[in-house]
Structure formats: structure tokens, C-alpha cells
N, C-alpha and C. Protein backbone atom coordinates (compact mmCIF):
# COMPACT_ATOMS: atom_id res chain seq x y z
N MET A 1 18.64 -29.77 4.53
CA MET A 1 17.83 -30.09 3.36
C MET A 1 16.36 -29.86 3.73
N PRO A 2 15.65 -29.05 2.97
CA PRO A 2 14.25 -28.79 3.27
C PRO A 2 13.37 -30.00 2.96
N GLY A 3 12.18 -29.95 3.50
CA GLY A 3 11.21 -31.01 3.22
C GLY A 3 10.98 -31.89 4.43
N GLN A 4 9.88 -32.59 4.37
CA GLN A 4 9.44 -33.47 5.45
C GLN A 4 10.20 -34.79 5.42
N THR A 5 10.57 -35.28 6.60
CA THR A 5 11.23 -36.59 6.70
C THR A 5 10.42 -37.59 7.50
N ASP A 6 9.42 -37.13 8.23
CA ASP A 6 8.61 -38.01 9.07
C ASP A 6 7.57 -38.72 8.21
N LEU A 7 7.72 -40.05 8.06
CA LEU A 7 6.83 -40.81 7.16
C LEU A 7 5.38 -40.70 7.58
N ALA A 8 5.09 -40.82 8.86
CA ALA A 8 3.70 -40.74 9.33
C ALA A 8 3.08 -39.39 8.96
N LYS A 9 3.84 -38.31 9.12
CA LYS A 9 3.33 -36.98 8.76
C LYS A 9 3.15 -36.85 7.25
N MET A 10 4.12 -37.38 6.48
CA MET A 10 3.99 -37.31 5.02
C MET A 10 2.74 -38.03 4.55
N LEU A 11 2.49 -39.21 5.11
CA LEU A 11 1.31 -39.98 4.70
C LEU A 11 0.02 -39.30 5.15
N ALA A 12 0.03 -38.73 6.36
CA ALA A 12 -1.17 -38.05 6.86
C ALA A 12 -1.51 -36.83 6.00
N ASP A 13 -0.49 -36.16 5.49
CA ASP A 13 -0.68 -34.94 4.70
C ASP A 13 -0.80 -35.21 3.20
N LEU A 14 -0.69 -36.47 2.80
CA LEU A 14 -0.61 -36.80 1.38
C LEU A 14 -1.90 -36.47 0.63
N SER A 15 -1.75 -35.77 -0.45
CA SER A 15 -2.82 -35.60 -1.43
C SER A 15 -2.18 -35.77 -2.80
N VAL A 16 -3.01 -36.00 -3.78
CA VAL A 16 -2.51 -36.32 -5.12
C VAL A 16 -3.14 -35.37 -6.13
N THR A 17 -2.31 -34.84 -7.00
CA THR A 17 -2.77 -34.01 -8.10
C THR A 17 -2.45 -34.74 -9.41
N VAL A 18 -3.39 -34.71 -10.33
CA VAL A 18 -3.19 -35.31 -11.65
C VAL A 18 -2.77 -34.22 -12.61
N ARG A 19 -1.60 -34.40 -13.21
CA ARG A 19 -1.16 -33.46 -14.24
C ARG A 19 -1.98 -33.75 -15.49
N PRO A 20 -2.56 -32.74 -16.12
CA PRO A 20 -3.37 -32.99 -17.31
C PRO A 20 -2.58 -33.66 -18.42
N GLY A 21 -3.27 -34.49 -19.18
CA GLY A 21 -2.67 -35.12 -20.34
C GLY A 21 -2.29 -36.57 -20.10
N ARG A 22 -1.76 -37.17 -21.14
CA ARG A 22 -1.24 -38.54 -21.07
C ARG A 22 0.23 -38.49 -21.43
N TYR A 23 0.98 -39.38 -20.79
CA TYR A 23 2.43 -39.37 -20.90
C TYR A 23 2.94 -40.73 -21.32
N THR A 24 4.16 -40.74 -21.83
CA THR A 24 4.81 -41.98 -22.19
C THR A 24 6.28 -41.87 -21.84
N VAL A 25 6.93 -43.01 -21.81
CA VAL A 25 8.37 -43.08 -21.54
C VAL A 25 9.03 -43.78 -22.72
N VAL A 26 10.02 -43.13 -23.30
CA VAL A 26 10.70 -43.70 -24.46
C VAL A 26 12.22 -43.61 -24.25
N SER A 27 12.94 -44.39 -25.01
CA SER A 27 14.39 -44.32 -25.01
C SER A 27 14.83 -43.82 -26.37
N VAL A 28 15.70 -42.81 -26.37
CA VAL A 28 16.21 -42.26 -27.62
C VAL A 28 17.74 -42.23 -27.56
N ALA A 29 18.36 -42.30 -28.71
CA ALA A 29 19.82 -42.36 -28.78
C ALA A 29 20.49 -41.00 -28.62
N GLU A 30 19.81 -39.95 -29.08
CA GLU A 30 20.38 -38.61 -29.06
C GLU A 30 19.62 -37.73 -28.06
N PRO A 31 20.30 -36.80 -27.41
CA PRO A 31 19.61 -35.92 -26.46
C PRO A 31 18.58 -35.04 -27.15
N VAL A 32 17.54 -34.72 -26.41
CA VAL A 32 16.51 -33.78 -26.86
C VAL A 32 16.39 -32.70 -25.80
N GLU A 33 15.73 -31.62 -26.15
CA GLU A 33 15.57 -30.52 -25.21
C GLU A 33 14.25 -30.61 -24.48
N LEU A 34 14.24 -30.14 -23.25
CA LEU A 34 13.00 -30.04 -22.49
C LEU A 34 12.10 -28.99 -23.14
N GLY A 35 10.81 -29.18 -22.99
CA GLY A 35 9.83 -28.24 -23.54
C GLY A 35 9.06 -28.87 -24.67
N ALA A 36 7.99 -28.23 -25.05
CA ALA A 36 7.14 -28.69 -26.15
C ALA A 36 6.73 -30.14 -25.96
N GLY A 37 6.34 -30.48 -24.71
CA GLY A 37 5.86 -31.83 -24.41
C GLY A 37 6.91 -32.79 -23.91
N VAL A 38 8.18 -32.41 -23.97
CA VAL A 38 9.23 -33.23 -23.36
C VAL A 38 9.36 -32.75 -21.92
N GLU A 39 8.97 -33.62 -20.98
CA GLU A 39 8.81 -33.21 -19.59
C GLU A 39 9.97 -33.59 -18.68
N ALA A 40 10.70 -34.65 -19.00
CA ALA A 40 11.83 -35.09 -18.18
C ALA A 40 12.78 -35.92 -19.03
N ILE A 41 14.06 -35.84 -18.70
CA ILE A 41 15.09 -36.59 -19.42
C ILE A 41 16.05 -37.18 -18.40
N VAL A 42 16.38 -38.45 -18.58
CA VAL A 42 17.38 -39.11 -17.75
C VAL A 42 18.45 -39.67 -18.68
N SER A 43 19.69 -39.31 -18.42
CA SER A 43 20.80 -39.82 -19.22
C SER A 43 21.25 -41.16 -18.64
N GLU A 44 21.28 -42.17 -19.50
CA GLU A 44 21.70 -43.50 -19.09
C GLU A 44 22.79 -43.98 -20.04
N ASP A 45 23.52 -45.01 -19.66
CA ASP A 45 24.57 -45.55 -20.53
C ASP A 45 24.02 -45.96 -21.89
N GLU A 46 22.78 -46.46 -21.92
CA GLU A 46 22.18 -46.98 -23.14
C GLU A 46 21.57 -45.90 -24.03
N GLY A 47 21.42 -44.69 -23.52
CA GLY A 47 20.79 -43.61 -24.27
C GLY A 47 20.09 -42.65 -23.33
N PHE A 48 19.04 -42.04 -23.79
CA PHE A 48 18.32 -41.05 -23.01
C PHE A 48 16.88 -41.52 -22.81
N THR A 49 16.46 -41.60 -21.57
CA THR A 49 15.07 -41.90 -21.27
C THR A 49 14.32 -40.57 -21.25
N VAL A 50 13.24 -40.52 -22.00
CA VAL A 50 12.47 -39.29 -22.12
C VAL A 50 11.04 -39.55 -21.66
N VAL A 51 10.55 -38.69 -20.78
CA VAL A 51 9.15 -38.70 -20.42
C VAL A 51 8.52 -37.54 -21.18
N SER A 52 7.55 -37.88 -22.02
CA SER A 52 6.92 -36.85 -22.84
C SER A 52 5.42 -37.07 -22.87
N THR A 53 4.73 -36.07 -23.36
CA THR A 53 3.31 -36.27 -23.61
C THR A 53 3.17 -37.25 -24.78
N VAL A 54 2.05 -37.91 -24.83
CA VAL A 54 1.80 -38.82 -25.95
C VAL A 54 1.80 -38.04 -27.26
N GLU A 55 1.27 -36.81 -27.24
CA GLU A 55 1.22 -35.99 -28.45
C GLU A 55 2.63 -35.66 -28.93
N ALA A 56 3.52 -35.28 -28.01
CA ALA A 56 4.89 -34.96 -28.40
C ALA A 56 5.60 -36.19 -28.95
N ALA A 57 5.35 -37.34 -28.35
CA ALA A 57 5.96 -38.58 -28.85
C ALA A 57 5.55 -38.81 -30.30
N GLY A 58 4.28 -38.57 -30.60
CA GLY A 58 3.81 -38.72 -31.97
C GLY A 58 4.50 -37.75 -32.92
N GLN A 59 4.70 -36.52 -32.47
CA GLN A 59 5.36 -35.52 -33.31
C GLN A 59 6.82 -35.89 -33.58
N TYR A 60 7.47 -36.50 -32.59
CA TYR A 60 8.86 -36.93 -32.75
C TYR A 60 8.98 -38.27 -33.47
N GLY A 61 7.86 -38.96 -33.65
CA GLY A 61 7.89 -40.27 -34.29
C GLY A 61 8.31 -41.39 -33.34
N TRP A 62 8.18 -41.15 -32.03
CA TRP A 62 8.53 -42.14 -31.03
C TRP A 62 7.37 -43.10 -30.82
N ASP A 63 7.68 -44.37 -30.65
CA ASP A 63 6.65 -45.37 -30.37
C ASP A 63 6.11 -45.18 -28.96
N VAL A 64 4.81 -45.25 -28.85
CA VAL A 64 4.15 -45.13 -27.55
C VAL A 64 3.73 -46.54 -27.12
N GLY A 65 4.49 -47.11 -26.21
CA GLY A 65 4.16 -48.44 -25.73
C GLY A 65 3.47 -48.42 -24.39
N PHE A 66 3.60 -47.33 -23.66
CA PHE A 66 3.04 -47.20 -22.31
C PHE A 66 2.40 -45.83 -22.21
N GLU A 67 1.10 -45.81 -21.97
CA GLU A 67 0.40 -44.54 -21.75
C GLU A 67 0.15 -44.38 -20.27
N ALA A 68 0.62 -43.27 -19.74
CA ALA A 68 0.57 -43.06 -18.29
C ALA A 68 -0.18 -41.79 -17.93
N ALA A 69 -0.71 -41.83 -16.71
CA ALA A 69 -1.17 -40.62 -16.04
C ALA A 69 -0.03 -40.19 -15.14
N TRP A 70 0.15 -38.89 -15.01
CA TRP A 70 1.22 -38.32 -14.17
C TRP A 70 0.57 -37.83 -12.89
N LEU A 71 0.89 -38.49 -11.79
CA LEU A 71 0.36 -38.12 -10.49
C LEU A 71 1.46 -37.44 -9.68
N THR A 72 1.14 -36.33 -9.06
CA THR A 72 2.09 -35.64 -8.19
C THR A 72 1.64 -35.82 -6.75
N LEU A 73 2.57 -36.27 -5.90
CA LEU A 73 2.30 -36.40 -4.47
C LEU A 73 2.51 -35.02 -3.85
N ASP A 74 1.43 -34.42 -3.39
CA ASP A 74 1.49 -33.05 -2.90
C ASP A 74 1.91 -32.99 -1.44
N VAL A 75 3.08 -33.51 -1.18
CA VAL A 75 3.71 -33.37 0.13
C VAL A 75 5.16 -33.04 -0.17
N HIS A 76 5.70 -32.06 0.53
CA HIS A 76 7.09 -31.67 0.28
C HIS A 76 7.99 -32.62 1.06
N SER A 77 8.33 -33.71 0.40
CA SER A 77 9.19 -34.71 1.03
C SER A 77 10.65 -34.35 0.82
N SER A 78 11.44 -34.58 1.84
CA SER A 78 12.87 -34.37 1.74
C SER A 78 13.48 -35.42 0.82
N LEU A 79 14.56 -35.08 0.15
CA LEU A 79 15.27 -36.06 -0.64
C LEU A 79 15.92 -37.12 0.25
N GLU A 80 16.00 -36.84 1.55
CA GLU A 80 16.56 -37.79 2.51
C GLU A 80 15.48 -38.56 3.27
N ALA A 81 14.22 -38.34 2.92
CA ALA A 81 13.11 -39.04 3.58
C ALA A 81 13.19 -40.53 3.28
N VAL A 82 12.80 -41.32 4.26
CA VAL A 82 12.83 -42.78 4.11
C VAL A 82 11.42 -43.33 4.20
N GLY A 83 11.03 -44.12 3.22
CA GLY A 83 9.79 -44.88 3.30
C GLY A 83 8.65 -44.43 2.41
N LEU A 84 8.65 -43.19 1.94
CA LEU A 84 7.52 -42.73 1.14
C LEU A 84 7.41 -43.51 -0.17
N THR A 85 8.51 -43.64 -0.88
CA THR A 85 8.48 -44.38 -2.14
C THR A 85 8.06 -45.82 -1.90
N ALA A 86 8.56 -46.42 -0.83
CA ALA A 86 8.20 -47.81 -0.52
C ALA A 86 6.72 -47.93 -0.20
N ALA A 87 6.18 -46.99 0.57
CA ALA A 87 4.75 -47.03 0.91
C ALA A 87 3.89 -46.89 -0.33
N VAL A 88 4.26 -45.98 -1.21
CA VAL A 88 3.51 -45.76 -2.45
C VAL A 88 3.58 -47.00 -3.34
N ALA A 89 4.78 -47.52 -3.55
CA ALA A 89 4.95 -48.69 -4.40
C ALA A 89 4.21 -49.89 -3.83
N THR A 90 4.25 -50.05 -2.52
CA THR A 90 3.59 -51.20 -1.88
C THR A 90 2.08 -51.14 -2.04
N VAL A 91 1.49 -49.98 -1.79
CA VAL A 91 0.03 -49.89 -1.88
C VAL A 91 -0.43 -50.05 -3.33
N LEU A 92 0.33 -49.54 -4.28
CA LEU A 92 -0.05 -49.71 -5.68
C LEU A 92 0.17 -51.16 -6.12
N ALA A 93 1.27 -51.76 -5.69
CA ALA A 93 1.53 -53.16 -6.05
C ALA A 93 0.46 -54.08 -5.50
N SER A 94 -0.06 -53.76 -4.33
CA SER A 94 -1.11 -54.62 -3.74
C SER A 94 -2.37 -54.64 -4.59
N SER A 95 -2.54 -53.63 -5.44
CA SER A 95 -3.67 -53.58 -6.37
C SER A 95 -3.24 -53.92 -7.80
N GLY A 96 -2.00 -54.35 -7.96
CA GLY A 96 -1.51 -54.72 -9.29
C GLY A 96 -1.31 -53.55 -10.22
N ILE A 97 -1.00 -52.37 -9.66
CA ILE A 97 -0.80 -51.17 -10.46
C ILE A 97 0.69 -50.86 -10.52
N SER A 98 1.24 -50.82 -11.73
CA SER A 98 2.65 -50.47 -11.86
C SER A 98 2.84 -48.98 -11.60
N CYS A 99 4.03 -48.63 -11.13
CA CYS A 99 4.33 -47.22 -10.93
C CYS A 99 5.79 -46.96 -11.27
N ASN A 100 6.02 -45.81 -11.82
CA ASN A 100 7.36 -45.35 -12.15
C ASN A 100 7.53 -44.00 -11.46
N VAL A 101 8.53 -43.90 -10.61
CA VAL A 101 8.69 -42.75 -9.74
C VAL A 101 9.76 -41.80 -10.28
N LEU A 102 9.43 -40.52 -10.28
CA LEU A 102 10.38 -39.45 -10.57
C LEU A 102 10.47 -38.59 -9.33
N ALA A 103 11.65 -38.44 -8.78
CA ALA A 103 11.82 -37.61 -7.59
C ALA A 103 12.19 -36.20 -8.01
N GLY A 104 11.36 -35.25 -7.62
CA GLY A 104 11.68 -33.85 -7.81
C GLY A 104 12.18 -33.29 -6.49
N PHE A 105 12.67 -32.07 -6.50
CA PHE A 105 13.18 -31.45 -5.29
C PHE A 105 12.07 -31.27 -4.25
N TYR A 106 10.88 -30.90 -4.71
CA TYR A 106 9.77 -30.63 -3.79
C TYR A 106 8.78 -31.77 -3.67
N HIS A 107 8.60 -32.53 -4.75
CA HIS A 107 7.56 -33.56 -4.76
C HIS A 107 8.04 -34.81 -5.48
N ASP A 108 7.39 -35.91 -5.17
CA ASP A 108 7.58 -37.13 -5.94
C ASP A 108 6.46 -37.20 -6.97
N HIS A 109 6.79 -37.71 -8.13
CA HIS A 109 5.85 -37.82 -9.23
C HIS A 109 5.77 -39.29 -9.62
N ILE A 110 4.56 -39.76 -9.84
CA ILE A 110 4.33 -41.17 -10.11
C ILE A 110 3.64 -41.31 -11.47
N LEU A 111 4.22 -42.12 -12.34
CA LEU A 111 3.57 -42.44 -13.61
C LEU A 111 2.90 -43.79 -13.44
N VAL A 112 1.59 -43.83 -13.66
CA VAL A 112 0.81 -45.07 -13.54
C VAL A 112 0.06 -45.29 -14.85
N PRO A 113 -0.34 -46.52 -15.14
CA PRO A 113 -1.10 -46.74 -16.37
C PRO A 113 -2.31 -45.80 -16.43
N ALA A 114 -2.47 -45.13 -17.55
CA ALA A 114 -3.52 -44.11 -17.68
C ALA A 114 -4.90 -44.67 -17.37
N ASP A 115 -5.16 -45.90 -17.77
CA ASP A 115 -6.49 -46.47 -17.56
C ASP A 115 -6.73 -46.90 -16.11
N ARG A 116 -5.73 -46.77 -15.25
CA ARG A 116 -5.88 -47.15 -13.84
C ARG A 116 -5.62 -45.96 -12.91
N ALA A 117 -5.61 -44.75 -13.47
CA ALA A 117 -5.28 -43.56 -12.68
C ALA A 117 -6.23 -43.35 -11.51
N ASP A 118 -7.52 -43.46 -11.75
CA ASP A 118 -8.49 -43.24 -10.67
C ASP A 118 -8.29 -44.25 -9.54
N GLU A 119 -8.07 -45.49 -9.90
CA GLU A 119 -7.83 -46.53 -8.90
C GLU A 119 -6.53 -46.25 -8.14
N ALA A 120 -5.51 -45.80 -8.84
CA ALA A 120 -4.23 -45.49 -8.20
C ALA A 120 -4.41 -44.35 -7.19
N ILE A 121 -5.17 -43.34 -7.55
CA ILE A 121 -5.41 -42.21 -6.65
C ILE A 121 -6.13 -42.70 -5.40
N GLN A 122 -7.12 -43.56 -5.55
CA GLN A 122 -7.82 -44.10 -4.39
C GLN A 122 -6.86 -44.86 -3.47
N CYS A 123 -5.97 -45.65 -4.05
CA CYS A 123 -4.99 -46.39 -3.26
C CYS A 123 -4.08 -45.43 -2.50
N LEU A 124 -3.61 -44.40 -3.17
CA LEU A 124 -2.70 -43.46 -2.54
C LEU A 124 -3.39 -42.67 -1.44
N GLU A 125 -4.62 -42.26 -1.69
CA GLU A 125 -5.35 -41.51 -0.66
C GLU A 125 -5.65 -42.36 0.55
N ALA A 126 -5.75 -43.68 0.36
CA ALA A 126 -5.98 -44.59 1.48
C ALA A 126 -4.78 -44.62 2.44
N LEU A 127 -3.61 -44.19 1.98
CA LEU A 127 -2.44 -44.13 2.84
C LEU A 127 -2.58 -43.09 3.94
N GLN A 128 -3.51 -42.16 3.79
CA GLN A 128 -3.71 -41.11 4.79
C GLN A 128 -4.27 -41.64 6.10
N ALA A 129 -4.91 -42.78 6.05
CA ALA A 129 -5.57 -43.31 7.25
C ALA A 129 -4.59 -43.70 8.33
């Protein structure tokens, strides 16, 4: 499996990119297609969790209860890596910042409250020390 597994190296190499726009997470009963602002879909027993832009949510008539910034951790972490998610969640929790993690094949993606994005980035970059 490709990607980094050494936590110390992942943290030392960690940088954060902000995906442009604002995002929200909604639950819908019927599946939707990716694209046109629908960025991720998770199938659950209760329905479909959709991560979309706030604009797309408005077009679909979905309620926006949580506005998030989408942060990408620019380190190619292995899906078998241990500790990166815990380190990220811990440093954000210590500042009272909620985070919702999406694991991609190459990167982890973090949704944080949009109004706390800059603070979240500072916390994450502090992990490099």
C-alpha cells in the first residue's frame, strides 16, 4: 500500500491546503450524483450523507446547518498509517475546533467550521514542530 506510515515524518511534512468555497454536510434519503457541487457521498443505513458546497445545497433545497472550510492535509498518508487522524483531532480539540475527517487514497481531508478555518490551519501547522 503506497503512502507514508511514519507518524513523525507525516507530521514533519504536514502542510494544509484550503479548498476554495464553503461546504456543508447533509443527509438525504435518495442517492445523488457526484458533480455540480456534490463533492462526496457516504451510504449509511439511515440514508446518504452528502458533502456539498453551500451553493449546491441551496440549489437542491437542502438545509445548511453547518458551514465548513475544507482543509486538505498535503501529506500522502497510507490508509494503514496509525496516529495522524488522532493527532489532528487532538490538536483541534484542544482549541475547541470540531473536525470531520474524510479519508482519501492520497490525502486526508478535514471539514472544520468555516469561521475557524484560519485558527484550525495554525493548529495543524503547529504539529510540524
